[in-house]
All heavy atoms as atom14 arrays in JSON, in Angstrom:
{
  "sequence": "LTLITVGKYLETKSKGKTSAAITKLMDLSPKTAIVLR",
  "atom14_mask": [
    [1, 1, 1, 1, 1, 1, 1, 1, 0, 0, 0, 0, 0, 0],
    [1, 1, 1, 1, 1, 1, 1, 0, 0, 0, 0, 0, 0, 0],
    [1, 1, 1, 1, 1, 1, 1, 1, 0, 0, 0, 0, 0, 0],
    [1, 1, 1, 1, 1, 1, 1, 1, 0, 0, 0, 0, 0, 0],
    [1, 1, 1, 1, 1, 1, 1, 0, 0, 0, 0, 0, 0, 0],
    [1, 1, 1, 1, 1, 1, 1, 0, 0, 0, 0, 0, 0, 0],
    [1, 1, 1, 1, 0, 0, 0, 0, 0, 0, 0, 0, 0, 0],
    [1, 1, 1, 1, 1, 1, 1, 1, 1, 0, 0, 0, 0, 0],
    [1, 1, 1, 1, 1, 1, 1, 1, 1, 1, 1, 1, 0, 0],
    [1, 1, 1, 1, 1, 1, 1, 1, 0, 0, 0, 0, 0, 0],
    [1, 1, 1, 1, 1, 1, 1, 1, 1, 0, 0, 0, 0, 0],
    [1, 1, 1, 1, 1, 1, 1, 0, 0, 0, 0, 0, 0, 0],
    [1, 1, 1, 1, 1, 1, 1, 1, 1, 0, 0, 0, 0, 0],
    [1, 1, 1, 1, 1, 1, 0, 0, 0, 0, 0, 0, 0, 0],
    [1, 1, 1, 1, 1, 1, 1, 1, 1, 0, 0, 0, 0, 0],
    [1, 1, 1, 1, 0, 0, 0, 0, 0, 0, 0, 0, 0, 0],
    [1, 1, 1, 1, 1, 1, 1, 1, 1, 0, 0, 0, 0, 0],
    [1, 1, 1, 1, 1, 1, 1, 0, 0, 0, 0, 0, 0, 0],
    [1, 1, 1, 1, 1, 1, 0, 0, 0, 0, 0, 0, 0, 0],
    [1, 1, 1, 1, 1, 0, 0, 0, 0, 0, 0, 0, 0, 0],
    [1, 1, 1, 1, 1, 0, 0, 0, 0, 0, 0, 0, 0, 0],
    [1, 1, 1, 1, 1, 1, 1, 1, 0, 0, 0, 0, 0, 0],
    [1, 1, 1, 1, 1, 1, 1, 0, 0, 0, 0, 0, 0, 0],
    [1, 1, 1, 1, 1, 1, 1, 1, 1, 0, 0, 0, 0, 0],
    [1, 1, 1, 1, 1, 1, 1, 1, 0, 0, 0, 0, 0, 0],
    [1, 1, 1, 1, 1, 1, 1, 1, 0, 0, 0, 0, 0, 0],
    [1, 1, 1, 1, 1, 1, 1, 1, 0, 0, 0, 0, 0, 0],
    [1, 1, 1, 1, 1, 1, 1, 1, 0, 0, 0, 0, 0, 0],
    [1, 1, 1, 1, 1, 1, 0, 0, 0, 0, 0, 0, 0, 0],
    [1, 1, 1, 1, 1, 1, 1, 0, 0, 0, 0, 0, 0, 0],
    [1, 1, 1, 1, 1, 1, 1, 1, 1, 0, 0, 0, 0, 0],
    [1, 1, 1, 1, 1, 1, 1, 0, 0, 0, 0, 0, 0, 0],
    [1, 1, 1, 1, 1, 0, 0, 0, 0, 0, 0, 0, 0, 0],
    [1, 1, 1, 1, 1, 1, 1, 1, 0, 0, 0, 0, 0, 0],
    [1, 1, 1, 1, 1, 1, 1, 0, 0, 0, 0, 0, 0, 0],
    [1, 1, 1, 1, 1, 1, 1, 1, 0, 0, 0, 0, 0, 0],
    [1, 1, 1, 1, 1, 1, 1, 1, 1, 1, 1, 0, 0, 0]
  ],
  "atom14_positions": [
    [[-9.32, 4.02, -26.69], [-9.61, 4.23, -25.24], [-9.35, 2.93, -24.38], [-8.83, 3.13, -23.27], [-11.14, 4.54, -25.13], [-11.55, 6.0, -25.64], [-13.12, 6.12, -25.6], [-10.93, 7.11, -24.88], [0.0, 0.0, 0.0], [0.0, 0.0, 0.0], [0.0, 0.0, 0.0], [0.0, 0.0, 0.0], [0.0, 0.0, 0.0], [0.0, 0.0, 0.0]],
    [[-9.54, 1.84, -24.96], [-9.21, 0.59, -24.31], [-7.76, 0.39, -24.03], [-7.28, 0.11, -22.92], [-9.77, -0.66, -25.11], [-11.15, -0.54, -25.2], [-9.41, -1.9, -24.32], [0.0, 0.0, 0.0], [0.0, 0.0, 0.0], [0.0, 0.0, 0.0], [0.0, 0.0, 0.0], [0.0, 0.0, 0.0], [0.0, 0.0, 0.0], [0.0, 0.0, 0.0]],
    [[-6.94, 0.69, -25.05], [-5.44, 0.61, -24.95], [-4.93, 1.58, -23.88], [-4.1, 1.23, -23.08], [-4.79, 0.94, -26.29], [-4.97, -0.15, -27.33], [-4.43, 0.34, -28.72], [-4.21, -1.43, -26.95], [0.0, 0.0, 0.0], [0.0, 0.0, 0.0], [0.0, 0.0, 0.0], [0.0, 0.0, 0.0], [0.0, 0.0, 0.0], [0.0, 0.0, 0.0]],
    [[-5.45, 2.85, -23.88], [-4.97, 3.81, -22.93], [-5.44, 3.4, -21.48], [-4.6, 3.53, -20.51], [-5.53, 5.18, -23.24], [-4.97, 5.77, -24.56], [-5.26, 6.21, -22.15], [-5.55, 6.94, -25.08], [0.0, 0.0, 0.0], [0.0, 0.0, 0.0], [0.0, 0.0, 0.0], [0.0, 0.0, 0.0], [0.0, 0.0, 0.0], [0.0, 0.0, 0.0]],
    [[-6.61, 2.92, -21.38], [-7.09, 2.5, -19.99], [-6.34, 1.34, -19.52], [-5.96, 1.22, -18.28], [-8.6, 2.08, -20.08], [-9.37, 3.13, -20.64], [-9.16, 1.71, -18.76], [0.0, 0.0, 0.0], [0.0, 0.0, 0.0], [0.0, 0.0, 0.0], [0.0, 0.0, 0.0], [0.0, 0.0, 0.0], [0.0, 0.0, 0.0], [0.0, 0.0, 0.0]],
    [[-5.95, 0.33, -20.42], [-5.17, -0.83, -20.01], [-3.75, -0.33, -19.49], [-3.29, -0.83, -18.47], [-5.02, -1.83, -21.1], [-3.89, -2.91, -20.78], [-6.33, -2.48, -21.41], [0.0, 0.0, 0.0], [0.0, 0.0, 0.0], [0.0, 0.0, 0.0], [0.0, 0.0, 0.0], [0.0, 0.0, 0.0], [0.0, 0.0, 0.0], [0.0, 0.0, 0.0]],
    [[-3.24, 0.6, -20.18], [-1.9, 1.13, -19.82], [-1.94, 1.85, -18.37], [-1.09, 1.56, -17.52], [0.0, 0.0, 0.0], [0.0, 0.0, 0.0], [0.0, 0.0, 0.0], [0.0, 0.0, 0.0], [0.0, 0.0, 0.0], [0.0, 0.0, 0.0], [0.0, 0.0, 0.0], [0.0, 0.0, 0.0], [0.0, 0.0, 0.0], [0.0, 0.0, 0.0]],
    [[-3.06, 2.52, -18.12], [-3.18, 3.18, -16.82], [-3.41, 2.19, -15.73], [-2.96, 2.29, -14.65], [-4.44, 4.2, -16.83], [-4.05, 5.45, -17.69], [-2.97, 6.25, -17.11], [-2.72, 7.5, -17.94], [-1.64, 8.31, -17.4], [0.0, 0.0, 0.0], [0.0, 0.0, 0.0], [0.0, 0.0, 0.0], [0.0, 0.0, 0.0], [0.0, 0.0, 0.0]],
    [[-4.2, 1.15, -16.06], [-4.46, 0.02, -15.11], [-3.12, -0.71, -14.72], [-2.87, -0.96, -13.6], [-5.41, -0.99, -15.75], [-5.45, -2.34, -14.92], [-6.08, -2.44, -13.76], [-4.81, -3.45, -15.53], [-6.15, -3.61, -13.1], [-4.94, -4.69, -14.84], [-5.57, -4.77, -13.61], [-5.61, -5.94, -12.94], [0.0, 0.0, 0.0], [0.0, 0.0, 0.0]],
    [[-2.32, -1.0, -15.72], [-0.98, -1.69, -15.41], [-0.13, -0.79, -14.58], [0.59, -1.29, -13.68], [-0.31, -2.01, -16.72], [-0.99, -3.12, -17.61], [-0.29, -3.23, -18.96], [-1.09, -4.43, -16.85], [0.0, 0.0, 0.0], [0.0, 0.0, 0.0], [0.0, 0.0, 0.0], [0.0, 0.0, 0.0], [0.0, 0.0, 0.0], [0.0, 0.0, 0.0]],
    [[-0.16, 0.51, -14.83], [0.66, 1.43, -14.03], [0.19, 1.5, -12.63], [0.95, 1.4, -11.56], [0.67, 2.86, -14.68], [1.62, 3.79, -14.0], [1.66, 5.14, -14.74], [0.85, 5.34, -15.74], [2.47, 5.96, -14.48], [0.0, 0.0, 0.0], [0.0, 0.0, 0.0], [0.0, 0.0, 0.0], [0.0, 0.0, 0.0], [0.0, 0.0, 0.0]],
    [[-1.14, 1.58, -12.4], [-1.73, 1.54, -11.06], [-1.51, 0.28, -10.28], [-1.15, 0.32, -9.16], [-3.28, 1.81, -11.17], [-3.48, 3.01, -11.89], [-3.88, 1.96, -9.8], [0.0, 0.0, 0.0], [0.0, 0.0, 0.0], [0.0, 0.0, 0.0], [0.0, 0.0, 0.0], [0.0, 0.0, 0.0], [0.0, 0.0, 0.0], [0.0, 0.0, 0.0]],
    [[-1.5, -0.89, -11.04], [-1.3, -2.11, -10.44], [0.13, -2.24, -9.93], [0.47, -2.76, -8.87], [-1.6, -3.26, -11.39], [-1.55, -4.65, -10.73], [-1.96, -5.71, -11.72], [-1.93, -7.11, -11.07], [-2.28, -8.22, -12.01], [0.0, 0.0, 0.0], [0.0, 0.0, 0.0], [0.0, 0.0, 0.0], [0.0, 0.0, 0.0], [0.0, 0.0, 0.0]],
    [[1.05, -1.66, -10.69], [2.54, -1.77, -10.32], [2.72, -0.88, -9.07], [3.42, -1.33, -8.14], [3.35, -1.09, -11.51], [4.67, -1.18, -11.09], [0.0, 0.0, 0.0], [0.0, 0.0, 0.0], [0.0, 0.0, 0.0], [0.0, 0.0, 0.0], [0.0, 0.0, 0.0], [0.0, 0.0, 0.0], [0.0, 0.0, 0.0], [0.0, 0.0, 0.0]],
    [[2.05, 0.32, -9.02], [2.08, 1.14, -7.78], [1.4, 0.47, -6.61], [1.77, 0.73, -5.45], [1.53, 2.46, -8.12], [2.36, 3.34, -8.97], [1.7, 4.71, -9.26], [2.56, 5.59, -10.12], [1.95, 6.91, -10.37], [0.0, 0.0, 0.0], [0.0, 0.0, 0.0], [0.0, 0.0, 0.0], [0.0, 0.0, 0.0], [0.0, 0.0, 0.0]],
    [[0.4, -0.4, -6.83], [-0.34, -1.08, -5.8], [0.6, -2.04, -5.03], [0.39, -2.33, -3.86], [0.0, 0.0, 0.0], [0.0, 0.0, 0.0], [0.0, 0.0, 0.0], [0.0, 0.0, 0.0], [0.0, 0.0, 0.0], [0.0, 0.0, 0.0], [0.0, 0.0, 0.0], [0.0, 0.0, 0.0], [0.0, 0.0, 0.0], [0.0, 0.0, 0.0]],
    [[1.67, -2.63, -5.72], [2.59, -3.5, -5.11], [3.35, -2.78, -4.02], [3.59, -3.26, -2.91], [3.54, -4.15, -6.1], [2.85, -5.17, -7.03], [3.9, -5.77, -7.94], [3.33, -6.82, -8.78], [4.37, -7.45, -9.67], [0.0, 0.0, 0.0], [0.0, 0.0, 0.0], [0.0, 0.0, 0.0], [0.0, 0.0, 0.0], [0.0, 0.0, 0.0]],
    [[3.72, -1.48, -4.31], [4.42, -0.66, -3.34], [3.49, -0.4, -2.16], [3.87, -0.45, -0.98], [4.91, 0.61, -4.0], [5.72, 0.3, -5.13], [5.64, 1.49, -3.03], [0.0, 0.0, 0.0], [0.0, 0.0, 0.0], [0.0, 0.0, 0.0], [0.0, 0.0, 0.0], [0.0, 0.0, 0.0], [0.0, 0.0, 0.0], [0.0, 0.0, 0.0]],
    [[2.21, -0.11, -2.44], [1.28, 0.2, -1.41], [1.07, -1.07, -0.43], [0.98, -0.87, 0.81], [-0.05, 0.6, -1.92], [0.05, 1.65, -2.73], [0.0, 0.0, 0.0], [0.0, 0.0, 0.0], [0.0, 0.0, 0.0], [0.0, 0.0, 0.0], [0.0, 0.0, 0.0], [0.0, 0.0, 0.0], [0.0, 0.0, 0.0], [0.0, 0.0, 0.0]],
    [[1.1, -2.22, -1.01], [0.97, -3.46, -0.25], [2.23, -3.62, 0.71], [2.13, -3.99, 1.82], [0.92, -4.68, -1.05], [0.0, 0.0, 0.0], [0.0, 0.0, 0.0], [0.0, 0.0, 0.0], [0.0, 0.0, 0.0], [0.0, 0.0, 0.0], [0.0, 0.0, 0.0], [0.0, 0.0, 0.0], [0.0, 0.0, 0.0], [0.0, 0.0, 0.0]],
    [[3.45, -3.26, 0.1], [4.61, -3.33, 0.95], [4.59, -2.34, 2.09], [4.97, -2.65, 3.21], [5.89, -3.02, 0.08], [0.0, 0.0, 0.0], [0.0, 0.0, 0.0], [0.0, 0.0, 0.0], [0.0, 0.0, 0.0], [0.0, 0.0, 0.0], [0.0, 0.0, 0.0], [0.0, 0.0, 0.0], [0.0, 0.0, 0.0], [0.0, 0.0, 0.0]],
    [[4.01, -1.13, 1.88], [3.86, -0.13, 2.92], [2.95, -0.61, 4.05], [3.17, -0.48, 5.2], [3.43, 1.18, 2.33], [4.52, 1.77, 1.41], [3.12, 2.19, 3.45], [4.12, 2.97, 0.59], [0.0, 0.0, 0.0], [0.0, 0.0, 0.0], [0.0, 0.0, 0.0], [0.0, 0.0, 0.0], [0.0, 0.0, 0.0], [0.0, 0.0, 0.0]],
    [[1.82, -1.24, 3.58], [0.79, -1.77, 4.49], [1.46, -2.83, 5.43], [1.17, -2.84, 6.6], [-0.37, -2.41, 3.72], [-0.92, -1.38, 2.86], [-1.47, -2.86, 4.67], [0.0, 0.0, 0.0], [0.0, 0.0, 0.0], [0.0, 0.0, 0.0], [0.0, 0.0, 0.0], [0.0, 0.0, 0.0], [0.0, 0.0, 0.0], [0.0, 0.0, 0.0]],
    [[2.23, -3.65, 4.89], [2.95, -4.76, 5.65], [3.89, -4.05, 6.69], [3.96, -4.56, 7.81], [3.64, -5.73, 4.77], [2.79, -6.63, 3.93], [3.58, -7.63, 3.1], [2.61, -8.55, 2.33], [3.35, -9.49, 1.48], [0.0, 0.0, 0.0], [0.0, 0.0, 0.0], [0.0, 0.0, 0.0], [0.0, 0.0, 0.0], [0.0, 0.0, 0.0]],
    [[4.6, -3.09, 6.29], [5.48, -2.35, 7.17], [4.69, -1.78, 8.38], [5.09, -1.76, 9.47], [6.26, -1.32, 6.42], [7.43, -1.77, 5.66], [8.04, -0.64, 4.74], [8.55, -2.36, 6.52], [0.0, 0.0, 0.0], [0.0, 0.0, 0.0], [0.0, 0.0, 0.0], [0.0, 0.0, 0.0], [0.0, 0.0, 0.0], [0.0, 0.0, 0.0]],
    [[3.55, -1.06, 7.97], [2.75, -0.47, 8.95], [2.19, -1.51, 9.99], [1.95, -1.14, 11.16], [1.61, 0.39, 8.4], [2.16, 1.53, 7.55], [0.85, 2.49, 6.68], [0.08, 3.28, 8.12], [0.0, 0.0, 0.0], [0.0, 0.0, 0.0], [0.0, 0.0, 0.0], [0.0, 0.0, 0.0], [0.0, 0.0, 0.0], [0.0, 0.0, 0.0]],
    [[1.83, -2.73, 9.54], [1.38, -3.75, 10.37], [2.34, -4.13, 11.38], [2.03, -4.74, 12.43], [0.96, -4.93, 9.55], [-0.32, -4.68, 8.79], [-0.97, -3.67, 9.17], [-0.59, -5.4, 7.82], [0.0, 0.0, 0.0], [0.0, 0.0, 0.0], [0.0, 0.0, 0.0], [0.0, 0.0, 0.0], [0.0, 0.0, 0.0], [0.0, 0.0, 0.0]],
    [[3.7, -3.89, 11.18], [4.76, -4.23, 12.17], [4.55, -3.38, 13.4], [5.02, -3.74, 14.5], [6.07, -4.04, 11.52], [6.5, -4.95, 10.47], [7.93, -4.65, 9.85], [6.58, -6.41, 10.92], [0.0, 0.0, 0.0], [0.0, 0.0, 0.0], [0.0, 0.0, 0.0], [0.0, 0.0, 0.0], [0.0, 0.0, 0.0], [0.0, 0.0, 0.0]],
    [[4.05, -2.17, 13.3], [4.0, -1.29, 14.42], [2.87, -1.62, 15.36], [1.75, -1.88, 14.85], [3.85, 0.22, 13.97], [3.71, 1.09, 14.98], [0.0, 0.0, 0.0], [0.0, 0.0, 0.0], [0.0, 0.0, 0.0], [0.0, 0.0, 0.0], [0.0, 0.0, 0.0], [0.0, 0.0, 0.0], [0.0, 0.0, 0.0], [0.0, 0.0, 0.0]],
    [[3.08, -1.66, 16.65], [2.08, -2.0, 17.57], [0.98, -0.84, 17.65], [1.36, 0.29, 17.45], [2.76, -2.13, 18.91], [4.02, -1.34, 18.8], [4.42, -1.47, 17.37], [0.0, 0.0, 0.0], [0.0, 0.0, 0.0], [0.0, 0.0, 0.0], [0.0, 0.0, 0.0], [0.0, 0.0, 0.0], [0.0, 0.0, 0.0], [0.0, 0.0, 0.0]],
    [[-0.19, -1.16, 17.88], [-1.35, -0.23, 17.84], [-1.38, 0.55, 19.16], [-1.92, 1.63, 19.19], [-2.62, -0.9, 17.48], [-2.64, -1.64, 16.13], [-2.4, -0.73, 14.99], [-2.43, -1.4, 13.68], [-1.27, -2.22, 13.41], [0.0, 0.0, 0.0], [0.0, 0.0, 0.0], [0.0, 0.0, 0.0], [0.0, 0.0, 0.0], [0.0, 0.0, 0.0]],
    [[-0.98, -0.12, 20.21], [-1.13, 0.52, 21.57], [0.22, 0.41, 22.42], [1.06, -0.34, 21.99], [-2.22, -0.16, 22.38], [-1.89, -1.56, 22.56], [-3.6, 0.01, 21.78], [0.0, 0.0, 0.0], [0.0, 0.0, 0.0], [0.0, 0.0, 0.0], [0.0, 0.0, 0.0], [0.0, 0.0, 0.0], [0.0, 0.0, 0.0], [0.0, 0.0, 0.0]],
    [[0.29, 1.26, 23.41], [1.47, 1.2, 24.28], [0.99, 1.4, 25.68], [0.01, 2.01, 25.98], [2.41, 2.37, 23.86], [0.0, 0.0, 0.0], [0.0, 0.0, 0.0], [0.0, 0.0, 0.0], [0.0, 0.0, 0.0], [0.0, 0.0, 0.0], [0.0, 0.0, 0.0], [0.0, 0.0, 0.0], [0.0, 0.0, 0.0], [0.0, 0.0, 0.0]],
    [[1.76, 0.81, 26.64], [1.42, 0.87, 28.07], [2.31, 1.99, 28.68], [3.5, 1.77, 28.77], [1.63, -0.51, 28.76], [0.75, -1.56, 28.18], [1.4, -0.37, 30.28], [1.03, -2.97, 28.65], [0.0, 0.0, 0.0], [0.0, 0.0, 0.0], [0.0, 0.0, 0.0], [0.0, 0.0, 0.0], [0.0, 0.0, 0.0], [0.0, 0.0, 0.0]],
    [[1.71, 3.06, 29.02], [2.44, 4.18, 29.58], [2.28, 4.22, 31.03], [1.21, 4.05, 31.66], [1.96, 5.56, 28.95], [2.65, 6.69, 29.59], [2.17, 5.55, 27.49], [0.0, 0.0, 0.0], [0.0, 0.0, 0.0], [0.0, 0.0, 0.0], [0.0, 0.0, 0.0], [0.0, 0.0, 0.0], [0.0, 0.0, 0.0], [0.0, 0.0, 0.0]],
    [[3.35, 4.51, 31.74], [3.44, 4.57, 33.24], [3.19, 5.99, 33.69], [3.99, 6.88, 33.28], [4.66, 4.02, 33.89], [5.05, 2.5, 33.58], [6.37, 2.16, 34.12], [3.9, 1.62, 34.12], [0.0, 0.0, 0.0], [0.0, 0.0, 0.0], [0.0, 0.0, 0.0], [0.0, 0.0, 0.0], [0.0, 0.0, 0.0], [0.0, 0.0, 0.0]],
    [[2.18, 6.31, 34.45], [1.87, 7.68, 34.88], [2.63, 7.99, 36.15], [3.22, 7.13, 36.82], [0.37, 7.85, 35.12], [-0.4, 7.7, 33.8], [0.08, 8.52, 32.69], [-0.77, 8.41, 31.49], [-0.41, 8.98, 30.28], [0.69, 9.69, 30.25], [-1.2, 8.81, 29.21], [0.0, 0.0, 0.0], [0.0, 0.0, 0.0], [0.0, 0.0, 0.0]]
  ]
}
């Protein structure tokens, strides 16, 4: 059970790097915009 859990942990951690990259990309986008009525 420990070996299998470690394998799943490593796989999740690897995917977490991609999630961090997506978060950084999303941070580039401004949260608000000034619209002229």
